[in-house]
C-alpha atoms as a PDB file:
ATOM      1  CA  MET A   1     134.885 195.924  63.696  1.00  0.00           C
ATOM      2  CA  GLY A   2     134.954 199.531  62.484  1.00  0.00           C
ATOM      3  CA  THR A   3     133.386 200.808  65.697  1.00  0.00           C
ATOM      4  CA  PRO A   4     134.326 201.495  69.345  1.00  0.00           C
ATOM      5  CA  CYS A   5     134.441 198.253  71.338  1.00  0.00           C
ATOM      6  CA  ASP A   6     134.336 197.877  75.107  1.00  0.00           C
ATOM      7  CA  LEU A   7     135.045 194.890  77.345  1.00  0.00           C
ATOM      8  CA  GLN A   8     134.391 195.130  81.080  1.00  0.00           C
ATOM      9  CA  LEU A   9     135.417 192.251  83.315  1.00  0.00           C
ATOM     10  CA  PHE A  10     135.365 191.509  87.025  1.00  0.00           C
ATOM     11  CA  ALA A  11     138.178 189.150  88.093  1.00  0.00           C
ATOM     12  CA  SER A  12     140.008 188.172  91.264  1.00  0.00           C
ATOM     13  CA  ASP A  13     143.211 189.857  90.057  1.00  0.00           C
ATOM     14  CA  ALA A  14     144.586 191.870  87.153  1.00  0.00           C
ATOM     15  CA  GLY A  15     146.468 188.910  85.713  1.00  0.00           C
ATOM     16  CA  THR A  16     143.297 186.841  85.385  1.00  0.00           C
ATOM     17  CA  ALA A  17     141.436 189.767  83.843  1.00  0.00           C
ATOM     18  CA  ASP A  18     144.241 190.320  81.318  1.00  0.00           C
ATOM     19  CA  LYS A  19     144.213 186.636  80.380  1.00  0.00           C
ATOM     20  CA  VAL A  20     140.451 186.588  79.762  1.00  0.00           C
ATOM     21  CA  ALA A  21     140.563 189.891  77.897  1.00  0.00           C
ATOM     22  CA  ASP A  22     143.355 188.601  75.663  1.00  0.00           C
ATOM     23  CA  ILE A  23     141.269 185.554  74.723  1.00  0.00           C
ATOM     24  CA  ALA A  24     138.296 187.755  73.877  1.00  0.00           C
ATOM     25  CA  ILE A  25     140.239 190.347  71.886  1.00  0.00           C
ATOM     26  CA  LYS A  26     142.123 187.737  69.860  1.00  0.00           C
ATOM     27  CA  ASP A  27     138.871 186.081  68.799  1.00  0.00           C
ATOM     28  CA  ILE A  28     137.341 189.396  67.753  1.00  0.00           C
ATOM     29  CA  GLN A  29     140.490 190.106  65.733  1.00  0.00           C
ATOM     30  CA  ARG A  30     140.248 186.638  64.172  1.00  0.00           C
ATOM     31  CA  LEU A  31     136.687 187.322  63.008  1.00  0.00           C
ATOM     32  CA  GLU A  32     137.709 190.749  61.714  1.00  0.00           C
ATOM     33  CA  LEU A  33     140.478 189.176  59.635  1.00  0.00           C
ATOM     34  CA  LYS A  34     138.172 186.468  58.356  1.00  0.00           C
ATOM     35  CA  TYR A  35     135.057 188.433  57.423  1.00  0.00           C
ATOM     36  CA  SER A  36     136.166 192.023  56.778  1.00  0.00           C
ATOM     37  CA  ARG A  37     135.251 193.337  53.336  1.00  0.00           C
ATOM     38  CA  TYR A  38     138.048 195.890  53.688  1.00  0.00           C
ATOM     39  CA  ARG A  39     140.838 193.271  53.631  1.00  0.00           C
ATOM     40  CA  ASP A  40     141.875 191.611  50.390  1.00  0.00           C
ATOM     41  CA  ASP A  41     143.155 188.569  52.301  1.00  0.00           C
ATOM     42  CA  SER A  42     139.893 187.857  54.170  1.00  0.00           C
ATOM     43  CA  LEU A  43     137.690 184.861  53.461  1.00  0.00           C
ATOM     44  CA  LEU A  44     134.855 187.235  52.586  1.00  0.00           C
ATOM     45  CA  SER A  45     136.999 188.920  49.930  1.00  0.00           C
ATOM     46  CA  GLU A  46     137.793 185.500  48.499  1.00  0.00           C
ATOM     47  CA  ILE A  47     134.073 184.687  48.401  1.00  0.00           C
ATOM     48  CA  ASN A  48     133.343 187.986  46.672  1.00  0.00           C
ATOM     49  CA  ARG A  49     136.029 187.447  44.050  1.00  0.00           C
ATOM     50  CA  ILE A  50     134.318 184.156  43.214  1.00  0.00           C
ATOM     51  CA  ALA A  51     130.909 185.860  43.324  1.00  0.00           C
ATOM     52  CA  ASP A  52     132.092 188.454  40.829  1.00  0.00           C
ATOM     53  CA  LEU A  53     132.916 185.671  38.364  1.00  0.00           C
ATOM     54  CA  GLY A  54     129.707 183.740  38.994  1.00  0.00           C
ATOM     55  CA  GLY A  55     131.603 180.808  40.480  1.00  0.00           C
ATOM     56  CA  HIS A  56     131.189 178.540  43.503  1.00  0.00           C
ATOM     57  CA  ILE A  57     133.029 177.825  46.751  1.00  0.00           C
ATOM     58  CA  VAL A  58     132.833 175.305  49.599  1.00  0.00           C
ATOM     59  CA  VAL A  59     133.014 177.087  52.977  1.00  0.00           C
ATOM     60  CA  ASP A  60     134.043 176.013  56.493  1.00  0.00           C
ATOM     61  CA  ASP A  61     131.696 175.121  59.349  1.00  0.00           C
ATOM     62  CA  GLU A  62     131.696 178.574  60.961  1.00  0.00           C
ATOM     63  CA  THR A  63     130.843 180.302  57.691  1.00  0.00           C
ATOM     64  CA  THR A  64     128.208 177.655  57.006  1.00  0.00           C
ATOM     65  CA  GLY A  65     126.561 178.548  60.313  1.00  0.00           C
ATOM     66  CA  LEU A  66     126.524 182.246  59.444  1.00  0.00           C
ATOM     67  CA  LEU A  67     125.100 181.595  55.978  1.00  0.00           C
ATOM     68  CA  ASN A  68     122.428 179.307  57.420  1.00  0.00           C
ATOM     69  CA  TYR A  69     121.443 182.097  59.797  1.00  0.00           C
ATOM     70  CA  ALA A  70     121.410 184.653  56.976  1.00  0.00           C
ATOM     71  CA  ASP A  71     119.169 182.305  54.992  1.00  0.00           C
ATOM     72  CA  ALA A  72     116.783 181.965  57.948  1.00  0.00           C
ATOM     73  CA  CYS A  73     116.660 185.767  58.383  1.00  0.00           C
ATOM     74  CA  HIS A  74     115.937 186.184  54.676  1.00  0.00           C
ATOM     75  CA  GLN A  75     112.963 183.840  54.964  1.00  0.00           C
ATOM     76  CA  GLN A  76     111.735 185.305  58.254  1.00  0.00           C
ATOM     77  CA  SER A  77     111.852 188.842  56.839  1.00  0.00           C
ATOM     78  CA  GLY A  78     110.104 188.081  53.567  1.00  0.00           C
ATOM     79  CA  GLY A  79     113.322 188.728  51.675  1.00  0.00           C
ATOM     80  CA  LEU A  80     114.088 192.100  53.300  1.00  0.00           C
ATOM     81  CA  PHE A  81     117.133 190.899  55.278  1.00  0.00           C
ATOM     82  CA  ASP A  82     119.545 190.142  52.452  1.00  0.00           C
ATOM     83  CA  ILE A  83     123.325 189.884  52.858  1.00  0.00           C
ATOM     84  CA  SER A  84     123.777 190.362  49.112  1.00  0.00           C
ATOM     85  CA  SER A  85     122.477 193.948  49.326  1.00  0.00           C
ATOM     86  CA  GLY A  86     125.834 195.456  50.328  1.00  0.00           C
ATOM     87  CA  LEU A  87     126.382 196.324  46.667  1.00  0.00           C
ATOM     88  CA  LEU A  88     123.943 199.197  47.139  1.00  0.00           C
ATOM     89  CA  ARG A  89     126.559 201.115  49.128  1.00  0.00           C
ATOM     90  CA  LYS A  90     128.142 201.896  45.749  1.00  0.00           C
ATOM     91  CA  ALA A  91     125.130 204.124  45.118  1.00  0.00           C
ATOM     92  CA  TRP A  92     124.579 205.439  48.642  1.00  0.00           C
ATOM     93  CA  ARG A  93     127.648 207.400  49.741  1.00  0.00           C
ATOM     94  CA  PHE A  94     126.574 209.109  52.928  1.00  0.00           C
ATOM     95  CA  ASP A  95     129.647 211.347  53.027  1.00  0.00           C
ATOM     96  CA  GLN A  96     128.750 213.110  49.779  1.00  0.00           C
ATOM     97  CA  GLY A  97     125.428 214.690  50.721  1.00  0.00           C
ATOM     98  CA  GLN A  98     123.559 213.915  47.534  1.00  0.00           C
ATOM     99  CA  LEU A  99     121.065 211.359  46.315  1.00  0.00           C
ATOM    100  CA  PRO A 100     122.173 208.665  43.860  1.00  0.00           C
ATOM    101  CA  GLU A 101     120.820 208.403  40.340  1.00  0.00           C
ATOM    102  CA  GLN A 102     117.946 205.929  40.020  1.00  0.00           C
ATOM    103  CA  GLN A 103     119.690 204.408  36.995  1.00  0.00           C
ATOM    104  CA  LEU A 104     122.658 203.412  39.169  1.00  0.00           C
ATOM    105  CA  ILE A 105     120.387 201.890  41.835  1.00  0.00           C
ATOM    106  CA  THR A 106     118.476 199.940  39.182  1.00  0.00           C
ATOM    107  CA  SER A 107     121.671 198.553  37.667  1.00  0.00           C
ATOM    108  CA  LEU A 108     122.939 197.429  41.077  1.00  0.00           C
ATOM    109  CA  LEU A 109     119.622 195.753  41.932  1.00  0.00           C
ATOM    110  CA  GLU A 110     120.171 193.409  38.987  1.00  0.00           C
ATOM    111  CA  ARG A 111     122.975 191.823  41.047  1.00  0.00           C
ATOM    112  CA  VAL A 112     121.228 191.932  44.437  1.00  0.00           C
ATOM    113  CA  GLY A 113     119.104 189.085  45.781  1.00  0.00           C
ATOM    114  CA  TRP A 114     119.682 186.014  47.940  1.00  0.00           C
ATOM    115  CA  LYS A 115     117.633 183.999  45.440  1.00  0.00           C
ATOM    116  CA  LYS A 116     120.175 184.835  42.739  1.00  0.00           C
ATOM    117  CA  LEU A 117     122.608 182.429  44.375  1.00  0.00           C
ATOM    118  CA  ARG A 118     122.278 178.803  45.391  1.00  0.00           C
ATOM    119  CA  TRP A 119     123.135 177.898  48.979  1.00  0.00           C
ATOM    120  CA  SER A 120     123.524 174.134  49.363  1.00  0.00           C
ATOM    121  CA  PRO A 121     125.571 173.802  52.570  1.00  0.00           C
ATOM    122  CA  PRO A 122     128.512 173.883  52.526  1.00  0.00           C
ATOM    123  CA  GLU A 123     128.595 174.985  48.871  1.00  0.00           C
ATOM    124  CA  LEU A 124     127.814 178.527  47.820  1.00  0.00           C
ATOM    125  CA  ARG A 125     127.150 178.996  44.111  1.00  0.00           C
ATOM    126  CA  PHE A 126     126.583 182.380  42.478  1.00  0.00           C
ATOM    127  CA  LEU A 127     124.152 182.210  39.577  1.00  0.00           C
ATOM    128  CA  THR A 128     124.537 185.868  38.628  1.00  0.00           C
ATOM    129  CA  PRO A 129     128.061 187.254  38.046  1.00  0.00           C
ATOM    130  CA  GLY A 130     128.955 190.485  39.799  1.00  0.00           C
ATOM    131  CA  MET A 131     127.266 189.707  43.116  1.00  0.00           C
ATOM    132  CA  GLU A 132     128.751 190.440  46.523  1.00  0.00           C
ATOM    133  CA  LEU A 133     128.094 189.344  50.105  1.00  0.00           C
ATOM    134  CA  ASP A 134     128.472 191.401  53.268  1.00  0.00           C
ATOM    135  CA  PHE A 135     128.284 189.862  56.752  1.00  0.00           C
ATOM    136  CA  GLY A 136     128.110 193.291  58.397  1.00  0.00           C
ATOM    137  CA  GLY A 137     124.619 192.659  59.744  1.00  0.00           C
ATOM    138  CA  ILE A 138     125.599 189.419  61.494  1.00  0.00           C
ATOM    139  CA  VAL A 139     129.289 189.065  62.356  1.00  0.00           C
ATOM    140  CA  LYS A 140     129.573 191.792  65.008  1.00  0.00           C
ATOM    141  CA  GLU A 141     126.656 190.351  66.948  1.00  0.00           C
ATOM    142  CA  TYR A 142     127.980 186.816  66.445  1.00  0.00           C
ATOM    143  CA  ALA A 143     131.346 188.026  67.788  1.00  0.00           C
ATOM    144  CA  ALA A 144     129.689 189.381  70.947  1.00  0.00           C
ATOM    145  CA  ASP A 145     128.003 186.024  71.568  1.00  0.00           C
ATOM    146  CA  ARG A 146     131.270 184.138  70.999  1.00  0.00           C
ATOM    147  CA  VAL A 147     133.265 186.415  73.287  1.00  0.00           C
ATOM    148  CA  VAL A 148     130.843 185.851  76.151  1.00  0.00           C
ATOM    149  CA  THR A 149     131.077 182.072  75.681  1.00  0.00           C
ATOM    150  CA  LEU A 150     134.888 182.230  75.657  1.00  0.00           C
ATOM    151  CA  CYS A 151     134.989 184.452  78.748  1.00  0.00           C
ATOM    152  CA  ARG A 152     132.751 182.077  80.659  1.00  0.00           C
ATOM    153  CA  GLN A 153     134.858 179.112  79.561  1.00  0.00           C
ATOM    154  CA  ALA A 154     137.917 180.952  80.899  1.00  0.00           C
ATOM    155  CA  GLY A 155     136.244 181.273  84.299  1.00  0.00           C
ATOM    156  CA  CYS A 156     134.873 184.812  84.082  1.00  0.00           C
ATOM    157  CA  ARG A 157     131.367 185.109  85.545  1.00  0.00           C
ATOM    158  CA  HIS A 158     130.861 188.863  85.726  1.00  0.00           C
ATOM    159  CA  GLY A 159     131.240 191.312  82.880  1.00  0.00           C
ATOM    160  CA  LEU A 160     129.908 192.876  79.719  1.00  0.00           C
ATOM    161  CA  VAL A 161     130.860 193.021  76.037  1.00  0.00           C
ATOM    162  CA  ASN A 162     129.886 196.064  73.956  1.00  0.00           C
ATOM    163  CA  LEU A 163     130.750 195.970  70.261  1.00  0.00           C
ATOM    164  CA  GLY A 164     129.544 199.248  68.821  1.00  0.00           C
ATOM    165  CA  GLY A 165     126.295 199.204  70.793  1.00  0.00           C
ATOM    166  CA  ASP A 166     125.670 195.471  70.411  1.00  0.00           C
ATOM    167  CA  VAL A 167     125.800 194.371  74.043  1.00  0.00           C
ATOM    168  CA  LYS A 168     126.020 190.880  75.529  1.00  0.00           C
ATOM    169  CA  ILE A 169     126.252 190.325  79.262  1.00  0.00           C
ATOM    170  CA  ILE A 170     128.696 187.760  80.660  1.00  0.00           C
ATOM    171  CA  GLY A 171     127.053 187.998  84.053  1.00  0.00           C
ATOM    172  CA  PRO A 172     125.802 190.642  86.539  1.00  0.00           C
ATOM    173  CA  ARG A 173     128.170 192.996  88.328  1.00  0.00           C
ATOM    174  CA  ILE A 174     130.288 191.455  91.081  1.00  0.00           C
ATOM    175  CA  ASP A 175     127.829 192.627  93.759  1.00  0.00           C
ATOM    176  CA  GLY A 176     124.932 191.004  91.910  1.00  0.00           C
ATOM    177  CA  GLN A 177     123.584 194.319  90.643  1.00  0.00           C
ATOM    178  CA  PRO A 178     122.420 194.590  87.020  1.00  0.00           C
ATOM    179  CA  TRP A 179     124.152 196.502  84.266  1.00  0.00           C
ATOM    180  CA  ARG A 180     122.512 199.774  83.257  1.00  0.00           C
ATOM    181  CA  ILE A 181     122.146 199.970  79.467  1.00  0.00           C
ATOM    182  CA  GLY A 182     121.172 203.305  77.940  1.00  0.00           C
ATOM    183  CA  ILE A 183     119.090 203.381  74.752  1.00  0.00           C
ATOM    184  CA  ALA A 184     120.077 206.308  72.526  1.00  0.00           C
ATOM    185  CA  HIS A 185     117.447 208.814  71.449  1.00  0.00           C
ATOM    186  CA  PRO A 186     117.326 208.821  67.626  1.00  0.00           C
ATOM    187  CA  ARG A 187     116.878 212.606  67.402  1.00  0.00           C
ATOM    188  CA  ASP A 188     118.666 213.955  70.492  1.00  0.00           C
ATOM    189  CA  LYS A 189     122.198 212.645  70.976  1.00  0.00           C
ATOM    190  CA  HIS A 190     122.268 214.101  74.496  1.00  0.00           C
ATOM    191  CA  SER A 191     119.183 212.161  75.651  1.00  0.00           C
ATOM    192  CA  LEU A 192     118.206 208.557  76.287  1.00  0.00           C
ATOM    193  CA  LEU A 193     114.943 206.891  75.360  1.00  0.00           C
ATOM    194  CA  GLU A 194     115.267 204.452  78.232  1.00  0.00           C
ATOM    195  CA  SER A 195     117.813 203.126  80.704  1.00  0.00           C
ATOM    196  CA  LEU A 196     117.424 199.382  81.188  1.00  0.00           C
ATOM    197  CA  ALA A 197     118.677 197.156  83.999  1.00  0.00           C
ATOM    198  CA  LEU A 198     119.916 193.769  82.759  1.00  0.00           C
ATOM    199  CA  HIS A 199     121.467 190.853  84.643  1.00  0.00           C
ATOM    200  CA  VAL A 200     121.670 188.531  81.644  1.00  0.00           C
ATOM    201  CA  GLY A 201     121.058 188.433  77.902  1.00  0.00           C
ATOM    202  CA  ALA A 202     121.880 190.689  74.984  1.00  0.00           C
ATOM    203  CA  ILE A 203     120.561 193.929  73.562  1.00  0.00           C
ATOM    204  CA  ALA A 204     120.983 195.498  70.116  1.00  0.00           C
ATOM    205  CA  SER A 205     119.572 198.500  68.303  1.00  0.00           C
ATOM    206  CA  SER A 206     119.075 199.627  64.739  1.00  0.00           C
ATOM    207  CA  GLY A 207     118.181 203.120  63.627  1.00  0.00           C
ATOM    208  CA  ASP A 208     118.331 205.886  61.055  1.00  0.00           C
ATOM    209  CA  TYR A 209     120.594 208.178  63.079  1.00  0.00           C
ATOM    210  CA  GLU A 210     124.127 206.762  62.883  1.00  0.00           C
ATOM    211  CA  ARG A 211     124.798 207.003  59.148  1.00  0.00           C
ATOM    212  CA  CYS A 212     122.464 209.162  57.129  1.00  0.00           C
ATOM    213  CA  ILE A 213     122.133 212.193  54.901  1.00  0.00           C
ATOM    214  CA  ILE A 214     119.502 214.917  55.164  1.00  0.00           C
ATOM    215  CA  ILE A 215     118.406 216.521  51.882  1.00  0.00           C
ATOM    216  CA  ASP A 216     115.627 219.129  51.686  1.00  0.00           C
ATOM    217  CA  GLY A 217     114.691 218.282  55.252  1.00  0.00           C
ATOM    218  CA  LYS A 218     114.281 214.556  54.598  1.00  0.00           C
ATOM    219  CA  ARG A 219     116.495 211.986  56.292  1.00  0.00           C
ATOM    220  CA  TYR A 220     117.883 209.073  54.261  1.00  0.00           C
ATOM    221  CA  SER A 221     119.356 206.338  56.442  1.00  0.00           C
ATOM    222  CA  HIS A 222     121.874 203.572  55.762  1.00  0.00           C
ATOM    223  CA  VAL A 223     119.168 200.907  56.286  1.00  0.00           C
ATOM    224  CA  LEU A 224     118.357 200.043  52.681  1.00  0.00           C
ATOM    225  CA  ASN A 225     115.460 198.028  51.297  1.00  0.00           C
ATOM    226  CA  PRO A 226     117.105 195.393  49.042  1.00  0.00           C
ATOM    227  CA  LYS A 227     114.029 195.276  46.824  1.00  0.00           C
ATOM    228  CA  THR A 228     113.869 198.999  46.008  1.00  0.00           C
ATOM    229  CA  GLY A 229     117.448 200.062  46.710  1.00  0.00           C
ATOM    230  CA  TRP A 230     116.183 203.023  48.757  1.00  0.00           C
ATOM    231  CA  PRO A 231     116.404 203.707  52.512  1.00  0.00           C
ATOM    232  CA  VAL A 232     113.550 202.685  54.765  1.00  0.00           C
ATOM    233  CA  GLY A 233     111.697 205.609  56.255  1.00  0.00           C
ATOM    234  CA  HIS A 234     109.073 204.821  58.899  1.00  0.00           C
ATOM    235  CA  LEU A 235     110.792 203.645  62.103  1.00  0.00           C
ATOM    236  CA  THR A 236     113.623 205.769  63.461  1.00  0.00           C
ATOM    237  CA  SER A 237     114.972 203.248  65.970  1.00  0.00           C
ATOM    238  CA  VAL A 238     114.347 199.714  67.184  1.00  0.00           C
ATOM    239  CA  THR A 239     115.875 198.024  70.235  1.00  0.00           C
ATOM    240  CA  VAL A 240     115.474 194.309  70.980  1.00  0.00           C
ATOM    241  CA  ILE A 241     116.524 192.150  73.932  1.00  0.00           C
ATOM    242  CA  SER A 242     117.274 188.456  73.439  1.00  0.00           C
ATOM    243  CA  GLU A 243     119.366 185.693  74.930  1.00  0.00           C
ATOM    244  CA  HIS A 244     121.632 185.938  71.885  1.00  0.00           C
ATOM    245  CA  CYS A 245     123.050 189.164  70.481  1.00  0.00           C
ATOM    246  CA  VAL A 246     122.856 187.902  66.902  1.00  0.00           C
ATOM    247  CA  ILE A 247     119.095 187.419  67.290  1.00  0.00           C
ATOM    248  CA  ALA A 248     118.612 190.822  68.927  1.00  0.00           C
ATOM    249  CA  GLY A 249     120.597 192.473  66.135  1.00  0.00           C
ATOM    250  CA  SER A 250     118.854 190.816  63.209  1.00  0.00           C
ATOM    251  CA  ALA A 251     115.410 191.312  64.788  1.00  0.00           C
ATOM    252  CA  SER A 252     115.973 195.054  65.218  1.00  0.00           C
ATOM    253  CA  THR A 253     117.168 195.347  61.609  1.00  0.00           C
ATOM    254  CA  ILE A 254     114.278 193.306  60.198  1.00  0.00           C
ATOM    255  CA  ALA A 255     111.781 195.482  62.102  1.00  0.00           C
ATOM    256  CA  MET A 256     113.351 198.606  60.582  1.00  0.00           C
ATOM    257  CA  LEU A 257     113.134 197.028  57.122  1.00  0.00           C
ATOM    258  CA  LYS A 258     109.467 196.127  57.616  1.00  0.00           C
ATOM    259  CA  GLN A 259     108.687 199.810  58.253  1.00  0.00           C
ATOM    260  CA  GLU A 260     104.954 200.249  59.061  1.00  0.00           C
ATOM    261  CA  GLN A 261     104.622 196.492  59.656  1.00  0.00           C
ATOM    262  CA  GLY A 262     107.630 196.459  61.984  1.00  0.00           C
ATOM    263  CA  PRO A 263     105.805 196.995  65.302  1.00  0.00           C
ATOM    264  CA  ALA A 264     103.265 194.231  64.607  1.00  0.00           C
ATOM    265  CA  TRP A 265     106.069 191.881  63.559  1.00  0.00           C
ATOM    266  CA  LEU A 266     107.942 192.623  66.797  1.00  0.00           C
ATOM    267  CA  ASN A 267     104.816 191.872  68.820  1.00  0.00           C
ATOM    268  CA  GLU A 268     104.480 188.523  67.063  1.00  0.00           C
ATOM    269  CA  LEU A 269     108.147 187.768  67.664  1.00  0.00           C
ATOM    270  CA  GLY A 270     107.549 188.134  71.391  1.00  0.00           C
ATOM    271  CA  LEU A 271     110.960 189.500  72.415  1.00  0.00           C
ATOM    272  CA  PRO A 272     111.234 192.555  74.694  1.00  0.00           C
ATOM    273  CA  HIS A 273     111.536 195.593  72.424  1.00  0.00           C
ATOM    274  CA  LEU A 274     111.184 199.332  71.991  1.00  0.00           C
ATOM    275  CA  TRP A 275     110.548 201.315  68.806  1.00  0.00           C
ATOM    276  CA  THR A 276     110.168 204.927  67.737  1.00  0.00           C
ATOM    277  CA  ASP A 277     108.847 206.290  64.434  1.00  0.00           C
ATOM    278  CA  ILE A 278     109.163 209.445  62.353  1.00  0.00           C
ATOM    279  CA  GLU A 279     106.133 210.974  64.075  1.00  0.00           C
ATOM    280  CA  GLY A 280     107.873 210.684  67.453  1.00  0.00           C
ATOM    281  CA  ARG A 281     105.620 207.885  68.643  1.00  0.00           C
ATOM    282  CA  GLN A 282     107.002 205.100  70.804  1.00  0.00           C
ATOM    283  CA  GLY A 283     105.873 201.551  71.391  1.00  0.00           C
ATOM    284  CA  GLY A 284     106.948 198.143  72.577  1.00  0.00           C
ATOM    285  CA  SER A 285     107.094 196.134  75.763  1.00  0.00           C
ATOM    286  CA  LEU A 286     110.155 198.005  77.109  1.00  0.00           C
ATOM    287  CA  ILE A 287     108.389 201.343  77.498  1.00  0.00           C
ATOM    288  CA  ALA A 288     108.467 202.369  81.154  1.00  0.00           C
ATOM    289  CA  ASP A 289     105.076 202.535  82.841  1.00  0.00           C
END
């Protein structure tokens, strides 16, 4: 998954814990092999080879479910959540410390846009050659949800899955106490915004602090607007709690993409949340009284 992953389980004995952990880890590895854009033999790489040619492909049920969800997020976000926008990483190289040329961004935007392909489940048809899909904003959260389901099916009732900060709870600690989940401060890596107590559910965050470059005092984050090709710049972090990790993850990302409209959109969504902005202001239903 390209990030630290953590699985904590309570079991009656080490053998049972190892068995459940093995089931969980193997499924995460399966999803990594299937949807990684870094592997030439992944299904996603096959899709992108077809996308580059402007072709079409019929996908399996699991991929159909992910694409249906991506389509719903695209509609819900007014086109801001777009899994075809990964192409923009060719312009934004956060390890180089310089801004990309606008000409490069403009040329990439010609091949970005969910509406530039036709999704007729289970067929995916690319109308514009040179496109590319990236499930990075969905698969990790989907994996967390799946792992919890598999652990419960294997008889585990107490535990927690943490895939790079996307957290899904299997069940409360063995003594019935909640899990304490710390919310990172977007500007002070040694501080927490909040520490939340959760018995059930999932929590995910999005922010401008993990991958970014700072040029002339201005921060440019990895959260890119697929319509402009430039980083968003109003909210610095968003955390959302939901029953499903994939919903918490996409909601936090969409709020970041909506910028000034993000807080109002989160209020309408009705899920427990917390946000901070570039002025240091905080809001949301998770703020401690």
